[in-house]
Amino acid sequence: MDENLIYEILSVVEEIPPGKVATYGQVAKLIGREKNARLVGKVLGMSSYYGTYPCHRMVNHAGRLVPGWTEQADLLAQEGVLLKDGLHVDLKKYQWEV
């Protein structure tokens, strides 16, 4: 995978402010690859190899948290992001407006 692309994705994720979330598709669009939301997810899955990034602020298009990542809800709650039903963030309230 292209290292420049990886750092481009991670640099956008790094910009998401505390208390806000972004979707994979939103990040893909910001880097000019709006049809590559899955690529964004794949890169985030490897992000620990490149440093520390606020990946907990990433959700899917419906605001759903990452399945199996139990710490994500706690990390978001520490920033004031409350869940609608234990699995979803209210995107109307918490989505990062770029």
PDB file of N, CA and C in Angstrom:
ATOM      1  N   MET A   1       0.851  -1.185   0.000  1.00  0.00           N
ATOM      2  CA  MET A   1       0.000   0.000   0.000  1.00  0.00           C
ATOM      3  C   MET A   1       0.892   1.242   0.000  1.00  0.00           C
ATOM      4  N   ASP A   2       0.447   2.255  -0.684  1.00  0.00           N
ATOM      5  CA  ASP A   2       1.186   3.503  -0.827  1.00  0.00           C
ATOM      6  C   ASP A   2       1.314   4.229   0.528  1.00  0.00           C
ATOM      7  N   GLU A   3       2.548   4.429   0.950  1.00  0.00           N
ATOM      8  CA  GLU A   3       2.799   5.098   2.241  1.00  0.00           C
ATOM      9  C   GLU A   3       2.202   6.507   2.281  1.00  0.00           C
ATOM     10  N   ASN A   4       2.262   7.230   1.168  1.00  0.00           N
ATOM     11  CA  ASN A   4       1.701   8.582   1.132  1.00  0.00           C
ATOM     12  C   ASN A   4       0.201   8.558   1.390  1.00  0.00           C
ATOM     13  N   LEU A   5      -0.482   7.574   0.824  1.00  0.00           N
ATOM     14  CA  LEU A   5      -1.918   7.441   1.025  1.00  0.00           C
ATOM     15  C   LEU A   5      -2.227   7.141   2.488  1.00  0.00           C
ATOM     16  N   ILE A   6      -1.444   6.276   3.074  1.00  0.00           N
ATOM     17  CA  ILE A   6      -1.635   5.932   4.489  1.00  0.00           C
ATOM     18  C   ILE A   6      -1.520   7.189   5.356  1.00  0.00           C
ATOM     19  N   TYR A   7      -0.465   7.952   5.148  1.00  0.00           N
ATOM     20  CA  TYR A   7      -0.278   9.155   5.961  1.00  0.00           C
ATOM     21  C   TYR A   7      -1.316  10.228   5.653  1.00  0.00           C
ATOM     22  N   GLU A   8      -1.817  10.252   4.418  1.00  0.00           N
ATOM     23  CA  GLU A   8      -2.874  11.202   4.068  1.00  0.00           C
ATOM     24  C   GLU A   8      -4.141  10.893   4.865  1.00  0.00           C
ATOM     25  N   ILE A   9      -4.495   9.615   4.926  1.00  0.00           N
ATOM     26  CA  ILE A   9      -5.668   9.199   5.698  1.00  0.00           C
ATOM     27  C   ILE A   9      -5.465   9.488   7.178  1.00  0.00           C
ATOM     28  N   LEU A  10      -4.315   9.102   7.703  1.00  0.00           N
ATOM     29  CA  LEU A  10      -4.060   9.292   9.132  1.00  0.00           C
ATOM     30  C   LEU A  10      -3.992  10.770   9.507  1.00  0.00           C
ATOM     31  N   SER A  11      -3.527  11.612   8.604  1.00  0.00           N
ATOM     32  CA  SER A  11      -3.461  13.042   8.920  1.00  0.00           C
ATOM     33  C   SER A  11      -4.866  13.641   9.016  1.00  0.00           C
ATOM     34  N   VAL A  12      -5.804  13.145   8.217  1.00  0.00           N
ATOM     35  CA  VAL A  12      -7.187  13.614   8.322  1.00  0.00           C
ATOM     36  C   VAL A  12      -7.790  13.134   9.642  1.00  0.00           C
ATOM     37  N   VAL A  13      -7.577  11.870   9.974  1.00  0.00           N
ATOM     38  CA  VAL A  13      -8.112  11.325  11.226  1.00  0.00           C
ATOM     39  C   VAL A  13      -7.563  12.109  12.425  1.00  0.00           C
ATOM     40  N   GLU A  14      -6.322  12.497  12.336  1.00  0.00           N
ATOM     41  CA  GLU A  14      -5.679  13.255  13.407  1.00  0.00           C
ATOM     42  C   GLU A  14      -6.348  14.614  13.630  1.00  0.00           C
ATOM     43  N   GLU A  15      -7.012  15.133  12.606  1.00  0.00           N
ATOM     44  CA  GLU A  15      -7.665  16.443  12.691  1.00  0.00           C
ATOM     45  C   GLU A  15      -9.054  16.409  13.326  1.00  0.00           C
ATOM     46  N   ILE A  16      -9.629  15.227  13.489  1.00  0.00           N
ATOM     47  CA  ILE A  16     -10.974  15.133  14.073  1.00  0.00           C
ATOM     48  C   ILE A  16     -10.890  15.617  15.522  1.00  0.00           C
ATOM     49  N   PRO A  17     -11.644  16.652  15.855  1.00  0.00           N
ATOM     50  CA  PRO A  17     -11.538  17.197  17.214  1.00  0.00           C
ATOM     51  C   PRO A  17     -12.180  16.307  18.273  1.00  0.00           C
ATOM     52  N   PRO A  18     -11.712  16.406  19.501  1.00  0.00           N
ATOM     53  CA  PRO A  18     -12.346  15.666  20.597  1.00  0.00           C
ATOM     54  C   PRO A  18     -13.837  16.026  20.669  1.00  0.00           C
ATOM     55  N   GLY A  19     -14.659  15.031  20.945  1.00  0.00           N
ATOM     56  CA  GLY A  19     -16.089  15.269  21.054  1.00  0.00           C
ATOM     57  C   GLY A  19     -16.815  15.185  19.723  1.00  0.00           C
ATOM     58  N   LYS A  20     -16.099  14.850  18.662  1.00  0.00           N
ATOM     59  CA  LYS A  20     -16.699  14.709  17.331  1.00  0.00           C
ATOM     60  C   LYS A  20     -16.304  13.357  16.744  1.00  0.00           C
ATOM     61  N   VAL A  21     -17.073  12.900  15.753  1.00  0.00           N
ATOM     62  CA  VAL A  21     -16.750  11.670  15.036  1.00  0.00           C
ATOM     63  C   VAL A  21     -16.801  11.949  13.541  1.00  0.00           C
ATOM     64  N   ALA A  22     -16.165  11.074  12.773  1.00  0.00           N
ATOM     65  CA  ALA A  22     -16.220  11.132  11.319  1.00  0.00           C
ATOM     66  C   ALA A  22     -16.514   9.735  10.802  1.00  0.00           C
ATOM     67  N   THR A  23     -17.040   9.664   9.600  1.00  0.00           N
ATOM     68  CA  THR A  23     -17.305   8.368   8.989  1.00  0.00           C
ATOM     69  C   THR A  23     -16.153   8.009   8.054  1.00  0.00           C
ATOM     70  N   TYR A  24     -16.051   6.736   7.743  1.00  0.00           N
ATOM     71  CA  TYR A  24     -15.015   6.276   6.819  1.00  0.00           C
ATOM     72  C   TYR A  24     -15.191   6.939   5.453  1.00  0.00           C
ATOM     73  N   GLY A  25     -16.439   7.040   5.022  1.00  0.00           N
ATOM     74  CA  GLY A  25     -16.727   7.679   3.742  1.00  0.00           C
ATOM     75  C   GLY A  25     -16.378   9.156   3.736  1.00  0.00           C
ATOM     76  N   GLN A  26     -16.588   9.818   4.859  1.00  0.00           N
ATOM     77  CA  GLN A  26     -16.252  11.235   4.981  1.00  0.00           C
ATOM     78  C   GLN A  26     -14.755  11.442   4.808  1.00  0.00           C
ATOM     79  N   VAL A  27     -13.957  10.609   5.463  1.00  0.00           N
ATOM     80  CA  VAL A  27     -12.503  10.712   5.343  1.00  0.00           C
ATOM     81  C   VAL A  27     -12.071  10.391   3.915  1.00  0.00           C
ATOM     82  N   ALA A  28     -12.682   9.362   3.319  1.00  0.00           N
ATOM     83  CA  ALA A  28     -12.348   9.016   1.938  1.00  0.00           C
ATOM     84  C   ALA A  28     -12.625  10.192   1.004  1.00  0.00           C
ATOM     85  N   LYS A  29     -13.736  10.848   1.210  1.00  0.00           N
ATOM     86  CA  LYS A  29     -14.084  12.007   0.374  1.00  0.00           C
ATOM     87  C   LYS A  29     -13.086  13.150   0.571  1.00  0.00           C
ATOM     88  N   LEU A  30     -12.665  13.363   1.806  1.00  0.00           N
ATOM     89  CA  LEU A  30     -11.720  14.446   2.100  1.00  0.00           C
ATOM     90  C   LEU A  30     -10.359  14.242   1.436  1.00  0.00           C
ATOM     91  N   ILE A  31      -9.997  12.994   1.173  1.00  0.00           N
ATOM     92  CA  ILE A  31      -8.709  12.749   0.512  1.00  0.00           C
ATOM     93  C   ILE A  31      -8.870  12.546  -0.990  1.00  0.00           C
ATOM     94  N   GLY A  32     -10.090  12.804  -1.494  1.00  0.00           N
ATOM     95  CA  GLY A  32     -10.325  12.703  -2.919  1.00  0.00           C
ATOM     96  C   GLY A  32     -10.554  11.300  -3.443  1.00  0.00           C
ATOM     97  N   ARG A  33     -10.941  10.389  -2.552  1.00  0.00           N
ATOM     98  CA  ARG A  33     -11.208   8.997  -2.943  1.00  0.00           C
ATOM     99  C   ARG A  33     -12.555   8.579  -2.363  1.00  0.00           C
ATOM    100  N   GLU A  34     -13.602   9.265  -2.762  1.00  0.00           N
ATOM    101  CA  GLU A  34     -14.891   9.082  -2.106  1.00  0.00           C
ATOM    102  C   GLU A  34     -15.485   7.678  -2.209  1.00  0.00           C
ATOM    103  N   LYS A  35     -15.004   6.854  -3.087  1.00  0.00           N
ATOM    104  CA  LYS A  35     -15.508   5.484  -3.192  1.00  0.00           C
ATOM    105  C   LYS A  35     -14.640   4.478  -2.434  1.00  0.00           C
ATOM    106  N   ASN A  36     -13.725   4.973  -1.612  1.00  0.00           N
ATOM    107  CA  ASN A  36     -12.776   4.093  -0.929  1.00  0.00           C
ATOM    108  C   ASN A  36     -12.906   4.103   0.596  1.00  0.00           C
ATOM    109  N   ALA A  37     -14.142   4.068   1.088  1.00  0.00           N
ATOM    110  CA  ALA A  37     -14.359   4.057   2.535  1.00  0.00           C
ATOM    111  C   ALA A  37     -13.740   2.810   3.175  1.00  0.00           C
ATOM    112  N   ARG A  38     -13.807   1.682   2.493  1.00  0.00           N
ATOM    113  CA  ARG A  38     -13.233   0.448   3.053  1.00  0.00           C
ATOM    114  C   ARG A  38     -11.715   0.548   3.160  1.00  0.00           C
ATOM    115  N   LEU A  39     -11.100   1.235   2.222  1.00  0.00           N
ATOM    116  CA  LEU A  39      -9.657   1.454   2.277  1.00  0.00           C
ATOM    117  C   LEU A  39      -9.297   2.241   3.534  1.00  0.00           C
ATOM    118  N   VAL A  40     -10.108   3.237   3.858  1.00  0.00           N
ATOM    119  CA  VAL A  40      -9.882   4.029   5.074  1.00  0.00           C
ATOM    120  C   VAL A  40      -9.930   3.110   6.290  1.00  0.00           C
ATOM    121  N   GLY A  41     -10.927   2.234   6.353  1.00  0.00           N
ATOM    122  CA  GLY A  41     -11.029   1.287   7.464  1.00  0.00           C
ATOM    123  C   GLY A  41      -9.829   0.368   7.554  1.00  0.00           C
ATOM    124  N   LYS A  42      -9.355  -0.080   6.412  1.00  0.00           N
ATOM    125  CA  LYS A  42      -8.189  -0.966   6.386  1.00  0.00           C
ATOM    126  C   LYS A  42      -6.949  -0.253   6.923  1.00  0.00           C
ATOM    127  N   VAL A  43      -6.754   0.976   6.501  1.00  0.00           N
ATOM    128  CA  VAL A  43      -5.610   1.758   6.982  1.00  0.00           C
ATOM    129  C   VAL A  43      -5.715   1.983   8.487  1.00  0.00           C
ATOM    130  N   LEU A  44      -6.899   2.290   8.969  1.00  0.00           N
ATOM    131  CA  LEU A  44      -7.065   2.522  10.408  1.00  0.00           C
ATOM    132  C   LEU A  44      -6.781   1.261  11.207  1.00  0.00           C
ATOM    133  N   GLY A  45      -7.061   0.116  10.630  1.00  0.00           N
ATOM    134  CA  GLY A  45      -6.754  -1.149  11.288  1.00  0.00           C
ATOM    135  C   GLY A  45      -5.260  -1.367  11.472  1.00  0.00           C
ATOM    136  N   MET A  46      -4.457  -0.667  10.666  1.00  0.00           N
ATOM    137  CA  MET A  46      -2.992  -0.780  10.749  1.00  0.00           C
ATOM    138  C   MET A  46      -2.352   0.461  11.372  1.00  0.00           C
ATOM    139  N   SER A  47      -3.154   1.379  11.853  1.00  0.00           N
ATOM    140  CA  SER A  47      -2.638   2.680  12.289  1.00  0.00           C
ATOM    141  C   SER A  47      -1.607   2.591  13.409  1.00  0.00           C
ATOM    142  N   SER A  48      -1.684   1.584  14.243  1.00  0.00           N
ATOM    143  CA  SER A  48      -0.742   1.479  15.365  1.00  0.00           C
ATOM    144  C   SER A  48       0.701   1.297  14.889  1.00  0.00           C
ATOM    145  N   TYR A  49       0.885   0.858  13.658  1.00  0.00           N
ATOM    146  CA  TYR A  49       2.238   0.729  13.108  1.00  0.00           C
ATOM    147  C   TYR A  49       2.851   2.081  12.771  1.00  0.00           C
ATOM    148  N   TYR A  50       2.018   3.118  12.714  1.00  0.00           N
ATOM    149  CA  TYR A  50       2.465   4.441  12.272  1.00  0.00           C
ATOM    150  C   TYR A  50       2.423   5.493  13.369  1.00  0.00           C
ATOM    151  N   GLY A  51       1.930   5.145  14.535  1.00  0.00           N
ATOM    152  CA  GLY A  51       1.858   6.107  15.627  1.00  0.00           C
ATOM    153  C   GLY A  51       0.530   5.996  16.352  1.00  0.00           C
ATOM    154  N   THR A  52       0.204   7.025  17.083  1.00  0.00           N
ATOM    155  CA  THR A  52      -1.032   7.054  17.854  1.00  0.00           C
ATOM    156  C   THR A  52      -1.997   8.041  17.210  1.00  0.00           C
ATOM    157  N   TYR A  53      -3.161   7.550  16.861  1.00  0.00           N
ATOM    158  CA  TYR A  53      -4.172   8.363  16.196  1.00  0.00           C
ATOM    159  C   TYR A  53      -5.516   8.153  16.882  1.00  0.00           C
ATOM    160  N   PRO A  54      -6.413   9.155  16.830  1.00  0.00           N
ATOM    161  CA  PRO A  54      -7.717   9.031  17.500  1.00  0.00           C
ATOM    162  C   PRO A  54      -8.727   8.226  16.680  1.00  0.00           C
ATOM    163  N   CYS A  55      -8.386   6.991  16.408  1.00  0.00           N
ATOM    164  CA  CYS A  55      -9.240   6.124  15.583  1.00  0.00           C
ATOM    165  C   CYS A  55     -10.588   5.846  16.246  1.00  0.00           C
ATOM    166  N   HIS A  56     -10.677   6.050  17.546  1.00  0.00           N
ATOM    167  CA  HIS A  56     -11.944   5.826  18.235  1.00  0.00           C
ATOM    168  C   HIS A  56     -13.011   6.830  17.776  1.00  0.00           C
ATOM    169  N   ARG A  57     -12.608   7.878  17.095  1.00  0.00           N
ATOM    170  CA  ARG A  57     -13.549   8.887  16.603  1.00  0.00           C
ATOM    171  C   ARG A  57     -14.126   8.539  15.233  1.00  0.00           C
ATOM    172  N   MET A  58     -13.841   7.336  14.753  1.00  0.00           N
ATOM    173  CA  MET A  58     -14.327   6.891  13.448  1.00  0.00           C
ATOM    174  C   MET A  58     -15.502   5.930  13.620  1.00  0.00           C
ATOM    175  N   VAL A  59     -16.562   6.153  12.834  1.00  0.00           N
ATOM    176  CA  VAL A  59     -17.747   5.297  12.846  1.00  0.00           C
ATOM    177  C   VAL A  59     -18.173   5.028  11.399  1.00  0.00           C
ATOM    178  N   ASN A  60     -19.096   4.100  11.211  1.00  0.00           N
ATOM    179  CA  ASN A  60     -19.553   3.843   9.847  1.00  0.00           C
ATOM    180  C   ASN A  60     -20.611   4.874   9.444  1.00  0.00           C
ATOM    181  N   HIS A  61     -21.157   4.726   8.253  1.00  0.00           N
ATOM    182  CA  HIS A  61     -22.099   5.712   7.711  1.00  0.00           C
ATOM    183  C   HIS A  61     -23.379   5.868   8.542  1.00  0.00           C
ATOM    184  N   ALA A  62     -23.696   4.875   9.345  1.00  0.00           N
ATOM    185  CA  ALA A  62     -24.879   4.928  10.206  1.00  0.00           C
ATOM    186  C   ALA A  62     -24.541   5.346  11.630  1.00  0.00           C
ATOM    187  N   GLY A  63     -23.269   5.647  11.881  1.00  0.00           N
ATOM    188  CA  GLY A  63     -22.848   6.034  13.223  1.00  0.00           C
ATOM    189  C   GLY A  63     -22.510   4.862  14.125  1.00  0.00           C
ATOM    190  N   ARG A  64     -22.459   3.645  13.556  1.00  0.00           N
ATOM    191  CA  ARG A  64     -22.186   2.458  14.363  1.00  0.00           C
ATOM    192  C   ARG A  64     -20.716   2.378  14.750  1.00  0.00           C
ATOM    193  N   LEU A  65     -20.491   1.945  15.970  1.00  0.00           N
ATOM    194  CA  LEU A  65     -19.134   1.746  16.465  1.00  0.00           C
ATOM    195  C   LEU A  65     -18.522   0.508  15.821  1.00  0.00           C
ATOM    196  N   VAL A  66     -17.225   0.362  15.996  1.00  0.00           N
ATOM    197  CA  VAL A  66     -16.509  -0.788  15.454  1.00  0.00           C
ATOM    198  C   VAL A  66     -16.930  -2.035  16.238  1.00  0.00           C
ATOM    199  N   PRO A  67     -17.447  -3.064  15.551  1.00  0.00           N
ATOM    200  CA  PRO A  67     -17.841  -4.290  16.249  1.00  0.00           C
ATOM    201  C   PRO A  67     -16.648  -4.932  16.956  1.00  0.00           C
ATOM    202  N   GLY A  68     -16.855  -5.303  18.214  1.00  0.00           N
ATOM    203  CA  GLY A  68     -15.818  -5.991  18.970  1.00  0.00           C
ATOM    204  C   GLY A  68     -14.815  -5.090  19.664  1.00  0.00           C
ATOM    205  N   TRP A  69     -14.869  -3.794  19.409  1.00  0.00           N
ATOM    206  CA  TRP A  69     -13.929  -2.868  20.062  1.00  0.00           C
ATOM    207  C   TRP A  69     -14.657  -2.201  21.226  1.00  0.00           C
ATOM    208  N   THR A  70     -14.657  -2.867  22.358  1.00  0.00           N
ATOM    209  CA  THR A  70     -15.449  -2.422  23.512  1.00  0.00           C
ATOM    210  C   THR A  70     -14.957  -1.105  24.103  1.00  0.00           C
ATOM    211  N   GLU A  71     -13.684  -0.801  23.950  1.00  0.00           N
ATOM    212  CA  GLU A  71     -13.126   0.428  24.522  1.00  0.00           C
ATOM    213  C   GLU A  71     -13.586   1.684  23.774  1.00  0.00           C
ATOM    214  N   GLN A  72     -14.035   1.533  22.538  1.00  0.00           N
ATOM    215  CA  GLN A  72     -14.393   2.694  21.736  1.00  0.00           C
ATOM    216  C   GLN A  72     -15.478   3.537  22.401  1.00  0.00           C
ATOM    217  N   ALA A  73     -16.510   2.915  22.908  1.00  0.00           N
ATOM    218  CA  ALA A  73     -17.601   3.647  23.554  1.00  0.00           C
ATOM    219  C   ALA A  73     -17.091   4.417  24.771  1.00  0.00           C
ATOM    220  N   ASP A  74     -16.210   3.805  25.549  1.00  0.00           N
ATOM    221  CA  ASP A  74     -15.657   4.479  26.726  1.00  0.00           C
ATOM    222  C   ASP A  74     -14.804   5.679  26.328  1.00  0.00           C
ATOM    223  N   LEU A  75     -13.984   5.517  25.291  1.00  0.00           N
ATOM    224  CA  LEU A  75     -13.140   6.616  24.827  1.00  0.00           C
ATOM    225  C   LEU A  75     -13.980   7.784  24.328  1.00  0.00           C
ATOM    226  N   LEU A  76     -15.040   7.480  23.613  1.00  0.00           N
ATOM    227  CA  LEU A  76     -15.929   8.545  23.142  1.00  0.00           C
ATOM    228  C   LEU A  76     -16.664   9.209  24.301  1.00  0.00           C
ATOM    229  N   ALA A  77     -17.117   8.419  25.262  1.00  0.00           N
ATOM    230  CA  ALA A  77     -17.819   8.974  26.422  1.00  0.00           C
ATOM    231  C   ALA A  77     -16.927   9.928  27.210  1.00  0.00           C
ATOM    232  N   GLN A  78     -15.639   9.623  27.295  1.00  0.00           N
ATOM    233  CA  GLN A  78     -14.696  10.507  27.978  1.00  0.00           C
ATOM    234  C   GLN A  78     -14.604  11.863  27.300  1.00  0.00           C
ATOM    235  N   GLU A  79     -14.955  11.912  26.020  1.00  0.00           N
ATOM    236  CA  GLU A  79     -14.926  13.162  25.264  1.00  0.00           C
ATOM    237  C   GLU A  79     -16.307  13.805  25.170  1.00  0.00           C
ATOM    238  N   GLY A  80     -17.302  13.212  25.844  1.00  0.00           N
ATOM    239  CA  GLY A  80     -18.643  13.774  25.853  1.00  0.00           C
ATOM    240  C   GLY A  80     -19.552  13.289  24.749  1.00  0.00           C
ATOM    241  N   VAL A  81     -19.121  12.289  23.981  1.00  0.00           N
ATOM    242  CA  VAL A  81     -19.953  11.732  22.912  1.00  0.00           C
ATOM    243  C   VAL A  81     -20.796  10.603  23.503  1.00  0.00           C
ATOM    244  N   LEU A  82     -22.097  10.803  23.517  1.00  0.00           N
ATOM    245  CA  LEU A  82     -23.009   9.810  24.071  1.00  0.00           C
ATOM    246  C   LEU A  82     -23.612   8.972  22.952  1.00  0.00           C
ATOM    247  N   LEU A  83     -23.888   7.717  23.240  1.00  0.00           N
ATOM    248  CA  LEU A  83     -24.444   6.813  22.247  1.00  0.00           C
ATOM    249  C   LEU A  83     -25.971   6.820  22.319  1.00  0.00           C
ATOM    250  N   LYS A  84     -26.606   6.628  21.172  1.00  0.00           N
ATOM    251  CA  LYS A  84     -28.071   6.593  21.104  1.00  0.00           C
ATOM    252  C   LYS A  84     -28.623   5.311  21.701  1.00  0.00           C
ATOM    253  N   ASP A  85     -27.969   4.190  21.386  1.00  0.00           N
ATOM    254  CA  ASP A  85     -28.518   2.892  21.775  1.00  0.00           C
ATOM    255  C   ASP A  85     -27.443   1.907  22.215  1.00  0.00           C
ATOM    256  N   GLY A  86     -26.298   2.406  22.589  1.00  0.00           N
ATOM    257  CA  GLY A  86     -25.204   1.543  22.997  1.00  0.00           C
ATOM    258  C   GLY A  86     -24.288   1.149  21.858  1.00  0.00           C
ATOM    259  N   LEU A  87     -24.747   1.324  20.615  1.00  0.00           N
ATOM    260  CA  LEU A  87     -23.946   0.932  19.450  1.00  0.00           C
ATOM    261  C   LEU A  87     -23.759   2.045  18.426  1.00  0.00           C
ATOM    262  N   HIS A  88     -24.569   3.096  18.509  1.00  0.00           N
ATOM    263  CA  HIS A  88     -24.556   4.135  17.485  1.00  0.00           C
ATOM    264  C   HIS A  88     -24.386   5.535  18.084  1.00  0.00           C
ATOM    265  N   VAL A  89     -23.620   6.339  17.358  1.00  0.00           N
ATOM    266  CA  VAL A  89     -23.458   7.756  17.684  1.00  0.00           C
ATOM    267  C   VAL A  89     -24.507   8.529  16.881  1.00  0.00           C
ATOM    268  N   ASP A  90     -25.071   9.567  17.467  1.00  0.00           N
ATOM    269  CA  ASP A  90     -25.999  10.439  16.757  1.00  0.00           C
ATOM    270  C   ASP A  90     -25.184  11.353  15.846  1.00  0.00           C
ATOM    271  N   LEU A  91     -25.137  11.022  14.565  1.00  0.00           N
ATOM    272  CA  LEU A  91     -24.314  11.790  13.632  1.00  0.00           C
ATOM    273  C   LEU A  91     -24.797  13.230  13.476  1.00  0.00           C
ATOM    274  N   LYS A  92     -26.085  13.459  13.634  1.00  0.00           N
ATOM    275  CA  LYS A  92     -26.592  14.837  13.525  1.00  0.00           C
ATOM    276  C   LYS A  92     -26.016  15.721  14.625  1.00  0.00           C
ATOM    277  N   LYS A  93     -25.723  15.115  15.745  1.00  0.00           N
ATOM    278  CA  LYS A  93     -25.217  15.869  16.895  1.00  0.00           C
ATOM    279  C   LYS A  93     -23.686  15.885  16.974  1.00  0.00           C
ATOM    280  N   TYR A  94     -23.039  14.785  16.621  1.00  0.00           N
ATOM    281  CA  TYR A  94     -21.617  14.656  16.890  1.00  0.00           C
ATOM    282  C   TYR A  94     -20.702  14.575  15.650  1.00  0.00           C
ATOM    283  N   GLN A  95     -21.284  14.544  14.443  1.00  0.00           N
ATOM    284  CA  GLN A  95     -20.415  14.416  13.270  1.00  0.00           C
ATOM    285  C   GLN A  95     -19.591  15.680  13.053  1.00  0.00           C
ATOM    286  N   TRP A  96     -18.332  15.464  12.759  1.00  0.00           N
ATOM    287  CA  TRP A  96     -17.368  16.535  12.496  1.00  0.00           C
ATOM    288  C   TRP A  96     -17.777  17.269  11.223  1.00  0.00           C
ATOM    289  N   GLU A  97     -17.963  18.561  11.339  1.00  0.00           N
ATOM    290  CA  GLU A  97     -18.271  19.402  10.178  1.00  0.00           C
ATOM    291  C   GLU A  97     -16.984  20.028   9.694  1.00  0.00           C
ATOM    292  N   VAL A  98     -16.560  19.623   8.518  1.00  0.00           N
ATOM    293  CA  VAL A  98     -15.283  20.110   7.968  1.00  0.00           C
ATOM    294  C   VAL A  98     -15.511  21.375   7.190  1.00  0.00           C
TER     295      VAL A  98
END
